Amino acid sequence: MMKNIGLQLIDNNDTGEIKDLKIVPVRDASNKIVSGLVIGPVMEQNIAIMLLAHQGELKFRPDLGVGIEDIVLSEDYLVFRHRIREHLKKDNLIVSQLDLFADKPFKIIAEYGK
């Protein structure tokens, strides 16, 4: 199963509601829509969804969800670094770099395991 390819979601580079399905209608010669859902790399959007979601919010994976917005109420970055690694691992993502420290840029480098 290829987890790195799937349906694309609308992001900051598109118009529309963020996290909705990205749809680009393709029409045939008679102007009928023949396709529209955009397929492509999804690893980064999967990471973003896991970071934003709280546990229980993802219907098919209720055990996933970091709830990164809760960091605003906490100063324990170590707990969130651990939680991020733990939840990404549940989705078979191997984290090679995770920078999450106060007053520094947030960075994750990960890839799906073989």
PDB file of N, CA and C in Angstrom:
ATOM      1  N   MET A   1       0.838  -1.177   0.000  1.00  0.00           N
ATOM      2  CA  MET A   1       0.000   0.000   0.000  1.00  0.00           C
ATOM      3  C   MET A   1       0.884   1.242   0.000  1.00  0.00           C
ATOM      4  N   MET A   2       0.647   2.139  -0.934  1.00  0.00           N
ATOM      5  CA  MET A   2       1.433   3.366  -1.033  1.00  0.00           C
ATOM      6  C   MET A   2       0.749   4.468  -0.242  1.00  0.00           C
ATOM      7  N   LYS A   3       1.299   4.784   0.920  1.00  0.00           N
ATOM      8  CA  LYS A   3       0.696   5.807   1.772  1.00  0.00           C
ATOM      9  C   LYS A   3       1.107   7.204   1.349  1.00  0.00           C
ATOM     10  N   ASN A   4       2.104   7.324   0.487  1.00  0.00           N
ATOM     11  CA  ASN A   4       2.585   8.654   0.123  1.00  0.00           C
ATOM     12  C   ASN A   4       1.855   9.243  -1.078  1.00  0.00           C
ATOM     13  N   ILE A   5       0.920   8.512  -1.665  1.00  0.00           N
ATOM     14  CA  ILE A   5       0.121   9.003  -2.794  1.00  0.00           C
ATOM     15  C   ILE A   5      -1.353   8.899  -2.416  1.00  0.00           C
ATOM     16  N   GLY A   6      -2.112   9.951  -2.683  1.00  0.00           N
ATOM     17  CA  GLY A   6      -3.535   9.917  -2.348  1.00  0.00           C
ATOM     18  C   GLY A   6      -4.238  11.178  -2.804  1.00  0.00           C
ATOM     19  N   LEU A   7      -5.434  11.385  -2.303  1.00  0.00           N
ATOM     20  CA  LEU A   7      -6.231  12.561  -2.658  1.00  0.00           C
ATOM     21  C   LEU A   7      -5.613  13.804  -2.041  1.00  0.00           C
ATOM     22  N   GLN A   8      -5.475  14.837  -2.855  1.00  0.00           N
ATOM     23  CA  GLN A   8      -4.922  16.108  -2.397  1.00  0.00           C
ATOM     24  C   GLN A   8      -6.005  16.941  -1.720  1.00  0.00           C
ATOM     25  N   LEU A   9      -5.579  17.702  -0.730  1.00  0.00           N
ATOM     26  CA  LEU A   9      -6.470  18.641  -0.062  1.00  0.00           C
ATOM     27  C   LEU A   9      -6.076  20.057  -0.439  1.00  0.00           C
ATOM     28  N   ILE A  10      -7.023  20.968  -0.339  1.00  0.00           N
ATOM     29  CA  ILE A  10      -6.741  22.381  -0.599  1.00  0.00           C
ATOM     30  C   ILE A  10      -5.805  22.894   0.481  1.00  0.00           C
ATOM     31  N   ASP A  11      -4.758  23.604   0.063  1.00  0.00           N
ATOM     32  CA  ASP A  11      -3.818  24.184   1.014  1.00  0.00           C
ATOM     33  C   ASP A  11      -3.714  25.687   0.786  1.00  0.00           C
ATOM     34  N   ASN A  12      -2.723  26.315   1.379  1.00  0.00           N
ATOM     35  CA  ASN A  12      -2.568  27.779   1.271  1.00  0.00           C
ATOM     36  C   ASN A  12      -2.289  28.249  -0.149  1.00  0.00           C
ATOM     37  N   ASN A  13      -1.872  27.361  -1.032  1.00  0.00           N
ATOM     38  CA  ASN A  13      -1.562  27.740  -2.409  1.00  0.00           C
ATOM     39  C   ASN A  13      -2.790  27.711  -3.315  1.00  0.00           C
ATOM     40  N   ASP A  14      -3.910  27.251  -2.803  1.00  0.00           N
ATOM     41  CA  ASP A  14      -5.128  27.103  -3.601  1.00  0.00           C
ATOM     42  C   ASP A  14      -6.204  28.057  -3.098  1.00  0.00           C
ATOM     43  N   THR A  15      -7.246  28.212  -3.921  1.00  0.00           N
ATOM     44  CA  THR A  15      -8.401  28.959  -3.451  1.00  0.00           C
ATOM     45  C   THR A  15      -9.430  27.959  -2.951  1.00  0.00           C
ATOM     46  N   GLY A  16     -10.159  28.340  -1.946  1.00  0.00           N
ATOM     47  CA  GLY A  16     -11.161  27.447  -1.375  1.00  0.00           C
ATOM     48  C   GLY A  16     -10.909  27.253   0.105  1.00  0.00           C
ATOM     49  N   GLU A  17     -11.700  26.413   0.695  1.00  0.00           N
ATOM     50  CA  GLU A  17     -11.621  26.144   2.127  1.00  0.00           C
ATOM     51  C   GLU A  17     -10.472  25.170   2.405  1.00  0.00           C
ATOM     52  N   ILE A  18      -9.547  25.587   3.246  1.00  0.00           N
ATOM     53  CA  ILE A  18      -8.402  24.755   3.610  1.00  0.00           C
ATOM     54  C   ILE A  18      -8.893  23.401   4.118  1.00  0.00           C
ATOM     55  N   LYS A  19      -8.230  22.338   3.702  1.00  0.00           N
ATOM     56  CA  LYS A  19      -8.490  20.945   4.077  1.00  0.00           C
ATOM     57  C   LYS A  19      -9.684  20.319   3.370  1.00  0.00           C
ATOM     58  N   ASP A  20     -10.373  21.049   2.462  1.00  0.00           N
ATOM     59  CA  ASP A  20     -11.380  20.414   1.620  1.00  0.00           C
ATOM     60  C   ASP A  20     -10.667  19.653   0.509  1.00  0.00           C
ATOM     61  N   LEU A  21     -11.366  18.744  -0.156  1.00  0.00           N
ATOM     62  CA  LEU A  21     -10.772  18.029  -1.286  1.00  0.00           C
ATOM     63  C   LEU A  21     -10.420  19.003  -2.401  1.00  0.00           C
ATOM     64  N   LYS A  22      -9.256  18.784  -3.004  1.00  0.00           N
ATOM     65  CA  LYS A  22      -8.843  19.601  -4.143  1.00  0.00           C
ATOM     66  C   LYS A  22      -9.478  18.987  -5.395  1.00  0.00           C
ATOM     67  N   ILE A  23     -10.302  19.779  -6.053  1.00  0.00           N
ATOM     68  CA  ILE A  23     -11.003  19.312  -7.253  1.00  0.00           C
ATOM     69  C   ILE A  23     -10.691  20.266  -8.393  1.00  0.00           C
ATOM     70  N   VAL A  24     -10.161  19.696  -9.472  1.00  0.00           N
ATOM     71  CA  VAL A  24      -9.861  20.452 -10.685  1.00  0.00           C
ATOM     72  C   VAL A  24     -10.563  19.724 -11.830  1.00  0.00           C
ATOM     73  N   PRO A  25     -11.745  20.187 -12.215  1.00  0.00           N
ATOM     74  CA  PRO A  25     -12.510  19.487 -13.255  1.00  0.00           C
ATOM     75  C   PRO A  25     -11.762  19.433 -14.593  1.00  0.00           C
ATOM     76  N   VAL A  26     -11.745  18.237 -15.187  1.00  0.00           N
ATOM     77  CA  VAL A  26     -11.176  18.033 -16.519  1.00  0.00           C
ATOM     78  C   VAL A  26     -12.339  17.620 -17.405  1.00  0.00           C
ATOM     79  N   ARG A  27     -12.493  18.336 -18.520  1.00  0.00           N
ATOM     80  CA  ARG A  27     -13.633  18.094 -19.410  1.00  0.00           C
ATOM     81  C   ARG A  27     -13.167  17.474 -20.728  1.00  0.00           C
ATOM     82  N   ASP A  28     -14.049  16.685 -21.326  1.00  0.00           N
ATOM     83  CA  ASP A  28     -13.743  16.103 -22.628  1.00  0.00           C
ATOM     84  C   ASP A  28     -14.207  17.055 -23.735  1.00  0.00           C
ATOM     85  N   ALA A  29     -14.136  16.603 -24.963  1.00  0.00           N
ATOM     86  CA  ALA A  29     -14.476  17.442 -26.109  1.00  0.00           C
ATOM     87  C   ALA A  29     -15.931  17.915 -26.083  1.00  0.00           C
ATOM     88  N   SER A  30     -16.809  17.134 -25.473  1.00  0.00           N
ATOM     89  CA  SER A  30     -18.218  17.533 -25.402  1.00  0.00           C
ATOM     90  C   SER A  30     -18.531  18.285 -24.100  1.00  0.00           C
ATOM     91  N   ASN A  31     -17.503  18.719 -23.412  1.00  0.00           N
ATOM     92  CA  ASN A  31     -17.598  19.540 -22.201  1.00  0.00           C
ATOM     93  C   ASN A  31     -18.159  18.789 -20.989  1.00  0.00           C
ATOM     94  N   LYS A  32     -18.113  17.462 -21.020  1.00  0.00           N
ATOM     95  CA  LYS A  32     -18.529  16.667 -19.869  1.00  0.00           C
ATOM     96  C   LYS A  32     -17.322  16.475 -18.953  1.00  0.00           C
ATOM     97  N   ILE A  33     -17.561  16.539 -17.654  1.00  0.00           N
ATOM     98  CA  ILE A  33     -16.477  16.332 -16.698  1.00  0.00           C
ATOM     99  C   ILE A  33     -16.109  14.853 -16.691  1.00  0.00           C
ATOM    100  N   VAL A  34     -14.827  14.563 -16.951  1.00  0.00           N
ATOM    101  CA  VAL A  34     -14.355  13.179 -16.980  1.00  0.00           C
ATOM    102  C   VAL A  34     -13.503  12.835 -15.759  1.00  0.00           C
ATOM    103  N   SER A  35     -12.972  13.830 -15.092  1.00  0.00           N
ATOM    104  CA  SER A  35     -12.251  13.614 -13.838  1.00  0.00           C
ATOM    105  C   SER A  35     -12.168  14.937 -13.099  1.00  0.00           C
ATOM    106  N   GLY A  36     -11.704  14.873 -11.863  1.00  0.00           N
ATOM    107  CA  GLY A  36     -11.649  16.109 -11.113  1.00  0.00           C
ATOM    108  C   GLY A  36     -10.864  16.031  -9.820  1.00  0.00           C
ATOM    109  N   LEU A  37     -10.883  14.878  -9.166  1.00  0.00           N
ATOM    110  CA  LEU A  37     -10.128  14.745  -7.927  1.00  0.00           C
ATOM    111  C   LEU A  37      -8.642  14.748  -8.241  1.00  0.00           C
ATOM    112  N   VAL A  38      -7.878  15.497  -7.460  1.00  0.00           N
ATOM    113  CA  VAL A  38      -6.435  15.609  -7.688  1.00  0.00           C
ATOM    114  C   VAL A  38      -5.724  14.585  -6.814  1.00  0.00           C
ATOM    115  N   ILE A  39      -4.882  13.780  -7.452  1.00  0.00           N
ATOM    116  CA  ILE A  39      -4.097  12.743  -6.777  1.00  0.00           C
ATOM    117  C   ILE A  39      -2.639  13.188  -6.789  1.00  0.00           C
ATOM    118  N   GLY A  40      -1.938  12.953  -5.704  1.00  0.00           N
ATOM    119  CA  GLY A  40      -0.529  13.322  -5.654  1.00  0.00           C
ATOM    120  C   GLY A  40       0.085  12.963  -4.314  1.00  0.00           C
ATOM    121  N   PRO A  41       1.281  13.488  -4.043  1.00  0.00           N
ATOM    122  CA  PRO A  41       1.959  13.183  -2.784  1.00  0.00           C
ATOM    123  C   PRO A  41       1.193  13.761  -1.592  1.00  0.00           C
ATOM    124  N   VAL A  42       1.034  12.961  -0.546  1.00  0.00           N
ATOM    125  CA  VAL A  42       0.216  13.381   0.592  1.00  0.00           C
ATOM    126  C   VAL A  42       0.939  13.333   1.938  1.00  0.00           C
ATOM    127  N   MET A  43       2.200  12.985   1.950  1.00  0.00           N
ATOM    128  CA  MET A  43       2.890  12.828   3.219  1.00  0.00           C
ATOM    129  C   MET A  43       2.815  14.098   4.066  1.00  0.00           C
ATOM    130  N   GLU A  44       3.120  15.237   3.474  1.00  0.00           N
ATOM    131  CA  GLU A  44       3.112  16.484   4.246  1.00  0.00           C
ATOM    132  C   GLU A  44       1.715  16.841   4.739  1.00  0.00           C
ATOM    133  N   GLN A  45       0.690  16.605   3.923  1.00  0.00           N
ATOM    134  CA  GLN A  45      -0.662  16.906   4.395  1.00  0.00           C
ATOM    135  C   GLN A  45      -1.085  15.894   5.456  1.00  0.00           C
ATOM    136  N   ASN A  46      -0.633  14.646   5.366  1.00  0.00           N
ATOM    137  CA  ASN A  46      -0.940  13.671   6.417  1.00  0.00           C
ATOM    138  C   ASN A  46      -0.320  14.097   7.745  1.00  0.00           C
ATOM    139  N   ILE A  47       0.928  14.566   7.697  1.00  0.00           N
ATOM    140  CA  ILE A  47       1.592  15.048   8.908  1.00  0.00           C
ATOM    141  C   ILE A  47       0.814  16.228   9.483  1.00  0.00           C
ATOM    142  N   ALA A  48       0.427  17.177   8.625  1.00  0.00           N
ATOM    143  CA  ALA A  48      -0.310  18.353   9.088  1.00  0.00           C
ATOM    144  C   ALA A  48      -1.625  17.949   9.747  1.00  0.00           C
ATOM    145  N   ILE A  49      -2.339  17.011   9.156  1.00  0.00           N
ATOM    146  CA  ILE A  49      -3.619  16.568   9.712  1.00  0.00           C
ATOM    147  C   ILE A  49      -3.404  15.912  11.073  1.00  0.00           C
ATOM    148  N   MET A  50      -2.377  15.071  11.193  1.00  0.00           N
ATOM    149  CA  MET A  50      -2.098  14.426  12.482  1.00  0.00           C
ATOM    150  C   MET A  50      -1.688  15.441  13.539  1.00  0.00           C
ATOM    151  N   LEU A  51      -0.951  16.480  13.138  1.00  0.00           N
ATOM    152  CA  LEU A  51      -0.551  17.508  14.092  1.00  0.00           C
ATOM    153  C   LEU A  51      -1.753  18.312  14.573  1.00  0.00           C
ATOM    154  N   LEU A  52      -2.658  18.653  13.680  1.00  0.00           N
ATOM    155  CA  LEU A  52      -3.808  19.487  14.020  1.00  0.00           C
ATOM    156  C   LEU A  52      -4.894  18.737  14.780  1.00  0.00           C
ATOM    157  N   ALA A  53      -5.098  17.467  14.443  1.00  0.00           N
ATOM    158  CA  ALA A  53      -6.186  16.693  15.043  1.00  0.00           C
ATOM    159  C   ALA A  53      -5.879  16.320  16.490  1.00  0.00           C
ATOM    160  N   HIS A  54      -6.935  16.217  17.267  1.00  0.00           N
ATOM    161  CA  HIS A  54      -6.843  15.651  18.615  1.00  0.00           C
ATOM    162  C   HIS A  54      -7.255  14.187  18.517  1.00  0.00           C
ATOM    163  N   GLN A  55      -6.815  13.385  19.475  1.00  0.00           N
ATOM    164  CA  GLN A  55      -7.215  11.979  19.467  1.00  0.00           C
ATOM    165  C   GLN A  55      -8.736  11.887  19.476  1.00  0.00           C
ATOM    166  N   GLY A  56      -9.254  11.003  18.633  1.00  0.00           N
ATOM    167  CA  GLY A  56     -10.690  10.801  18.525  1.00  0.00           C
ATOM    168  C   GLY A  56     -11.331  11.568  17.387  1.00  0.00           C
ATOM    169  N   GLU A  57     -10.621  12.526  16.789  1.00  0.00           N
ATOM    170  CA  GLU A  57     -11.212  13.325  15.710  1.00  0.00           C
ATOM    171  C   GLU A  57     -11.109  12.662  14.338  1.00  0.00           C
ATOM    172  N   LEU A  58     -10.157  11.765  14.150  1.00  0.00           N
ATOM    173  CA  LEU A  58     -10.010  11.080  12.865  1.00  0.00           C
ATOM    174  C   LEU A  58     -10.805   9.777  12.921  1.00  0.00           C
ATOM    175  N   LYS A  59     -11.883   9.722  12.166  1.00  0.00           N
ATOM    176  CA  LYS A  59     -12.845   8.629  12.259  1.00  0.00           C
ATOM    177  C   LYS A  59     -12.211   7.248  12.105  1.00  0.00           C
ATOM    178  N   PHE A  60     -11.357   7.076  11.124  1.00  0.00           N
ATOM    179  CA  PHE A  60     -10.805   5.753  10.869  1.00  0.00           C
ATOM    180  C   PHE A  60      -9.533   5.469  11.661  1.00  0.00           C
ATOM    181  N   ARG A  61      -8.991   6.467  12.347  1.00  0.00           N
ATOM    182  CA  ARG A  61      -7.813   6.295  13.209  1.00  0.00           C
ATOM    183  C   ARG A  61      -7.975   7.147  14.457  1.00  0.00           C
ATOM    184  N   PRO A  62      -8.901   6.783  15.346  1.00  0.00           N
ATOM    185  CA  PRO A  62      -9.142   7.605  16.529  1.00  0.00           C
ATOM    186  C   PRO A  62      -7.952   7.662  17.486  1.00  0.00           C
ATOM    187  N   ASP A  63      -6.977   6.780  17.293  1.00  0.00           N
ATOM    188  CA  ASP A  63      -5.790   6.795  18.160  1.00  0.00           C
ATOM    189  C   ASP A  63      -4.760   7.837  17.713  1.00  0.00           C
ATOM    190  N   LEU A  64      -4.945   8.435  16.521  1.00  0.00           N
ATOM    191  CA  LEU A  64      -4.010   9.435  16.018  1.00  0.00           C
ATOM    192  C   LEU A  64      -4.495  10.840  16.356  1.00  0.00           C
ATOM    193  N   GLY A  65      -3.562  11.715  16.614  1.00  0.00           N
ATOM    194  CA  GLY A  65      -3.895  13.113  16.837  1.00  0.00           C
ATOM    195  C   GLY A  65      -3.024  13.733  17.906  1.00  0.00           C
ATOM    196  N   VAL A  66      -2.171  14.665  17.511  1.00  0.00           N
ATOM    197  CA  VAL A  66      -1.239  15.317  18.424  1.00  0.00           C
ATOM    198  C   VAL A  66      -1.915  16.472  19.168  1.00  0.00           C
ATOM    199  N   GLY A  67      -2.804  17.183  18.512  1.00  0.00           N
ATOM    200  CA  GLY A  67      -3.435  18.352  19.129  1.00  0.00           C
ATOM    201  C   GLY A  67      -2.420  19.453  19.395  1.00  0.00           C
ATOM    202  N   ILE A  68      -1.654  19.797  18.360  1.00  0.00           N
ATOM    203  CA  ILE A  68      -0.540  20.736  18.506  1.00  0.00           C
ATOM    204  C   ILE A  68      -0.976  22.103  19.027  1.00  0.00           C
ATOM    205  N   GLU A  69      -2.228  22.481  18.817  1.00  0.00           N
ATOM    206  CA  GLU A  69      -2.673  23.789  19.306  1.00  0.00           C
ATOM    207  C   GLU A  69      -2.631  23.865  20.833  1.00  0.00           C
ATOM    208  N   ASP A  70      -2.627  22.722  21.499  1.00  0.00           N
ATOM    209  CA  ASP A  70      -2.552  22.708  22.959  1.00  0.00           C
ATOM    210  C   ASP A  70      -1.204  23.197  23.480  1.00  0.00           C
ATOM    211  N   ILE A  71      -0.217  23.281  22.609  1.00  0.00           N
ATOM    212  CA  ILE A  71       1.103  23.749  23.033  1.00  0.00           C
ATOM    213  C   ILE A  71       1.041  25.201  23.491  1.00  0.00           C
ATOM    214  N   VAL A  72       0.028  25.938  23.035  1.00  0.00           N
ATOM    215  CA  VAL A  72      -0.136  27.332  23.445  1.00  0.00           C
ATOM    216  C   VAL A  72      -0.337  27.421  24.962  1.00  0.00           C
ATOM    217  N   LEU A  73      -0.989  26.419  25.529  1.00  0.00           N
ATOM    218  CA  LEU A  73      -1.274  26.397  26.961  1.00  0.00           C
ATOM    219  C   LEU A  73      -0.187  25.681  27.766  1.00  0.00           C
ATOM    220  N   SER A  74       0.862  25.235  27.095  1.00  0.00           N
ATOM    221  CA  SER A  74       1.905  24.461  27.756  1.00  0.00           C
ATOM    222  C   SER A  74       3.276  25.016  27.397  1.00  0.00           C
ATOM    223  N   GLU A  75       4.219  24.791  28.249  1.00  0.00           N
ATOM    224  CA  GLU A  75       5.605  25.134  27.936  1.00  0.00           C
ATOM    225  C   GLU A  75       6.474  23.891  27.902  1.00  0.00           C
ATOM    226  N   ASP A  76       5.843  22.725  27.939  1.00  0.00           N
ATOM    227  CA  ASP A  76       6.583  21.465  27.963  1.00  0.00           C
ATOM    228  C   ASP A  76       6.753  20.937  26.538  1.00  0.00           C
ATOM    229  N   TYR A  77       7.720  21.491  25.847  1.00  0.00           N
ATOM    230  CA  TYR A  77       7.966  21.120  24.454  1.00  0.00           C
ATOM    231  C   TYR A  77       8.437  19.670  24.332  1.00  0.00           C
ATOM    232  N   LEU A  78       9.090  19.153  25.348  1.00  0.00           N
ATOM    233  CA  LEU A  78       9.554  17.768  25.323  1.00  0.00           C
ATOM    234  C   LEU A  78       8.379  16.810  25.186  1.00  0.00           C
ATOM    235  N   VAL A  79       7.291  17.080  25.907  1.00  0.00           N
ATOM    236  CA  VAL A  79       6.098  16.235  25.825  1.00  0.00           C
ATOM    237  C   VAL A  79       5.560  16.242  24.397  1.00  0.00           C
ATOM    238  N   PHE A  80       5.505  17.402  23.766  1.00  0.00           N
ATOM    239  CA  PHE A  80       4.987  17.485  22.400  1.00  0.00           C
ATOM    240  C   PHE A  80       5.940  16.849  21.397  1.00  0.00           C
ATOM    241  N   ARG A  81       7.247  16.970  21.579  1.00  0.00           N
ATOM    242  CA  ARG A  81       8.188  16.289  20.680  1.00  0.00           C
ATOM    243  C   ARG A  81       7.984  14.780  20.769  1.00  0.00           C
ATOM    244  N   HIS A  82       7.815  14.285  21.975  1.00  0.00           N
ATOM    245  CA  HIS A  82       7.573  12.855  22.166  1.00  0.00           C
ATOM    246  C   HIS A  82       6.243  12.441  21.530  1.00  0.00           C
ATOM    247  N   ARG A  83       5.195  13.235  21.765  1.00  0.00           N
ATOM    248  CA  ARG A  83       3.872  12.922  21.226  1.00  0.00           C
ATOM    249  C   ARG A  83       3.888  12.924  19.698  1.00  0.00           C
ATOM    250  N   ILE A  84       4.575  13.882  19.090  1.00  0.00           N
ATOM    251  CA  ILE A  84       4.665  13.958  17.626  1.00  0.00           C
ATOM    252  C   ILE A  84       5.335  12.710  17.081  1.00  0.00           C
ATOM    253  N   ARG A  85       6.485  12.341  17.636  1.00  0.00           N
ATOM    254  CA  ARG A  85       7.179  11.127  17.169  1.00  0.00           C
ATOM    255  C   ARG A  85       6.294   9.897  17.327  1.00  0.00           C
ATOM    256  N   GLU A  86       5.624   9.784  18.469  1.00  0.00           N
ATOM    257  CA  GLU A  86       4.769   8.632  18.761  1.00  0.00           C
ATOM    258  C   GLU A  86       3.632   8.517  17.744  1.00  0.00           C
ATOM    259  N   HIS A  87       2.950   9.616  17.471  1.00  0.00           N
ATOM    260  CA  HIS A  87       1.784   9.562  16.583  1.00  0.00           C
ATOM    261  C   HIS A  87       2.186   9.414  15.120  1.00  0.00           C
ATOM    262  N   LEU A  88       3.279  10.015  14.705  1.00  0.00           N
ATOM    263  CA  LEU A  88       3.727   9.818  13.331  1.00  0.00           C
ATOM    264  C   LEU A  88       4.177   8.373  13.126  1.00  0.00           C
ATOM    265  N   LYS A  89       4.791   7.789  14.140  1.00  0.00           N
ATOM    266  CA  LYS A  89       5.213   6.388  14.043  1.00  0.00           C
ATOM    267  C   LYS A  89       4.009   5.459  13.867  1.00  0.00           C
ATOM    268  N   LYS A  90       2.883   5.795  14.504  1.00  0.00           N
ATOM    269  CA  LYS A  90       1.666   4.986  14.357  1.00  0.00           C
ATOM    270  C   LYS A  90       1.213   4.938  12.902  1.00  0.00           C
ATOM    271  N   ASP A  91       1.561   5.962  12.129  1.00  0.00           N
ATOM    272  CA  ASP A  91       1.201   6.011  10.710  1.00  0.00           C
ATOM    273  C   ASP A  91       2.368   5.558   9.828  1.00  0.00           C
ATOM    274  N   ASN A  92       3.370   4.910  10.443  1.00  0.00           N
ATOM    275  CA  ASN A  92       4.542   4.367   9.740  1.00  0.00           C
ATOM    276  C   ASN A  92       5.456   5.460   9.187  1.00  0.00           C
ATOM    277  N   LEU A  93       5.448   6.626   9.807  1.00  0.00           N
ATOM    278  CA  LEU A  93       6.353   7.701   9.428  1.00  0.00           C
ATOM    279  C   LEU A  93       7.580   7.656  10.334  1.00  0.00           C
ATOM    280  N   ILE A  94       8.763   7.639   9.717  1.00  0.00           N
ATOM    281  CA  ILE A  94      10.010   7.650  10.460  1.00  0.00           C
ATOM    282  C   ILE A  94      10.526   9.087  10.478  1.00  0.00           C
ATOM    283  N   VAL A  95      10.659   9.649  11.660  1.00  0.00           N
ATOM    284  CA  VAL A  95      11.104  11.032  11.829  1.00  0.00           C
ATOM    285  C   VAL A  95      12.623  11.045  11.930  1.00  0.00           C
ATOM    286  N   SER A  96      13.264  11.754  11.008  1.00  0.00           N
ATOM    287  CA  SER A  96      14.724  11.882  11.067  1.00  0.00           C
ATOM    288  C   SER A  96      15.148  13.192  11.722  1.00  0.00           C
ATOM    289  N   GLN A  97      14.271  14.185  11.727  1.00  0.00           N
ATOM    290  CA  GLN A  97      14.578  15.448  12.402  1.00  0.00           C
ATOM    291  C   GLN A  97      13.289  16.074  12.898  1.00  0.00           C
ATOM    292  N   LEU A  98      13.321  16.519  14.144  1.00  0.00           N
ATOM    293  CA  LEU A  98      12.180  17.194  14.741  1.00  0.00           C
ATOM    294  C   LEU A  98      12.704  18.332  15.601  1.00  0.00           C
ATOM    295  N   ASP A  99      12.468  19.552  15.146  1.00  0.00           N
ATOM    296  CA  ASP A  99      12.871  20.745  15.886  1.00  0.00           C
ATOM    297  C   ASP A  99      11.617  21.433  16.399  1.00  0.00           C
ATOM    298  N   LEU A 100      11.434  21.401  17.705  1.00  0.00           N
ATOM    299  CA  LEU A 100      10.304  22.071  18.351  1.00  0.00           C
ATOM    300  C   LEU A 100      10.814  22.623  19.676  1.00  0.00           C
ATOM    301  N   PHE A 101      11.182  23.880  19.643  1.00  0.00           N
ATOM    302  CA  PHE A 101      11.740  24.561  20.807  1.00  0.00           C
ATOM    303  C   PHE A 101      11.139  25.966  20.874  1.00  0.00           C
ATOM    304  N   ALA A 102      11.101  26.537  22.048  1.00  0.00           N
ATOM    305  CA  ALA A 102      10.569  27.881  22.225  1.00  0.00           C
ATOM    306  C   ALA A 102      11.366  28.881  21.394  1.00  0.00           C
ATOM    307  N   ASP A 103      10.656  29.769  20.723  1.00  0.00           N
ATOM    308  CA  ASP A 103      11.251  30.871  19.953  1.00  0.00           C
ATOM    309  C   ASP A 103      12.164  30.418  18.821  1.00  0.00           C
ATOM    310  N   LYS A 104      11.917  29.232  18.279  1.00  0.00           N
ATOM    311  CA  LYS A 104      12.688  28.733  17.140  1.00  0.00           C
ATOM    312  C   LYS A 104      11.721  28.161  16.112  1.00  0.00           C
ATOM    313  N   PRO A 105      12.121  28.120  14.832  1.00  0.00           N
ATOM    314  CA  PRO A 105      11.231  27.557  13.795  1.00  0.00           C
ATOM    315  C   PRO A 105      10.931  26.078  14.047  1.00  0.00           C
ATOM    316  N   PHE A 106       9.703  25.700  13.768  1.00  0.00           N
ATOM    317  CA  PHE A 106       9.231  24.322  13.900  1.00  0.00           C
ATOM    318  C   PHE A 106       9.582  23.573  12.615  1.00  0.00           C
ATOM    319  N   LYS A 107      10.206  22.417  12.741  1.00  0.00           N
ATOM    320  CA  LYS A 107      10.629  21.670  11.549  1.00  0.00           C
ATOM    321  C   LYS A 107      10.497  20.178  11.807  1.00  0.00           C
ATOM    322  N   ILE A 108       9.908  19.488  10.834  1.00  0.00           N
ATOM    323  CA  ILE A 108       9.821  18.023  10.865  1.00  0.00           C
ATOM    324  C   ILE A 108      10.324  17.502   9.527  1.00  0.00           C
ATOM    325  N   ILE A 109      11.245  16.548   9.584  1.00  0.00           N
ATOM    326  CA  ILE A 109      11.664  15.824   8.396  1.00  0.00           C
ATOM    327  C   ILE A 109      11.349  14.359   8.675  1.00  0.00           C
ATOM    328  N   ALA A 110      10.488  13.774   7.833  1.00  0.00           N
ATOM    329  CA  ALA A 110      10.053  12.403   8.031  1.00  0.00           C
ATOM    330  C   ALA A 110       9.802  11.761   6.670  1.00  0.00           C
ATOM    331  N   GLU A 111       9.725  10.451   6.687  1.00  0.00           N
ATOM    332  CA  GLU A 111       9.351   9.717   5.477  1.00  0.00           C
ATOM    333  C   GLU A 111       8.674   8.422   5.890  1.00  0.00           C
ATOM    334  N   TYR A 112       7.872   7.886   4.986  1.00  0.00           N
ATOM    335  CA  TYR A 112       7.197   6.631   5.261  1.00  0.00           C
ATOM    336  C   TYR A 112       8.202   5.500   5.226  1.00  0.00           C
ATOM    337  N   GLY A 113       8.071   4.583   6.208  1.00  0.00           N
ATOM    338  CA  GLY A 113       8.936   3.409   6.266  1.00  0.00           C
ATOM    339  C   GLY A 113       8.623   2.448   5.136  1.00  0.00           C
ATOM    340  N   LYS A 114       9.550   1.611   4.879  1.00  0.00           N
ATOM    341  CA  LYS A 114       9.394   0.644   3.785  1.00  0.00           C
ATOM    342  C   LYS A 114       8.521  -0.516   4.201  1.00  0.00           C
TER     343      LYS A 114
END
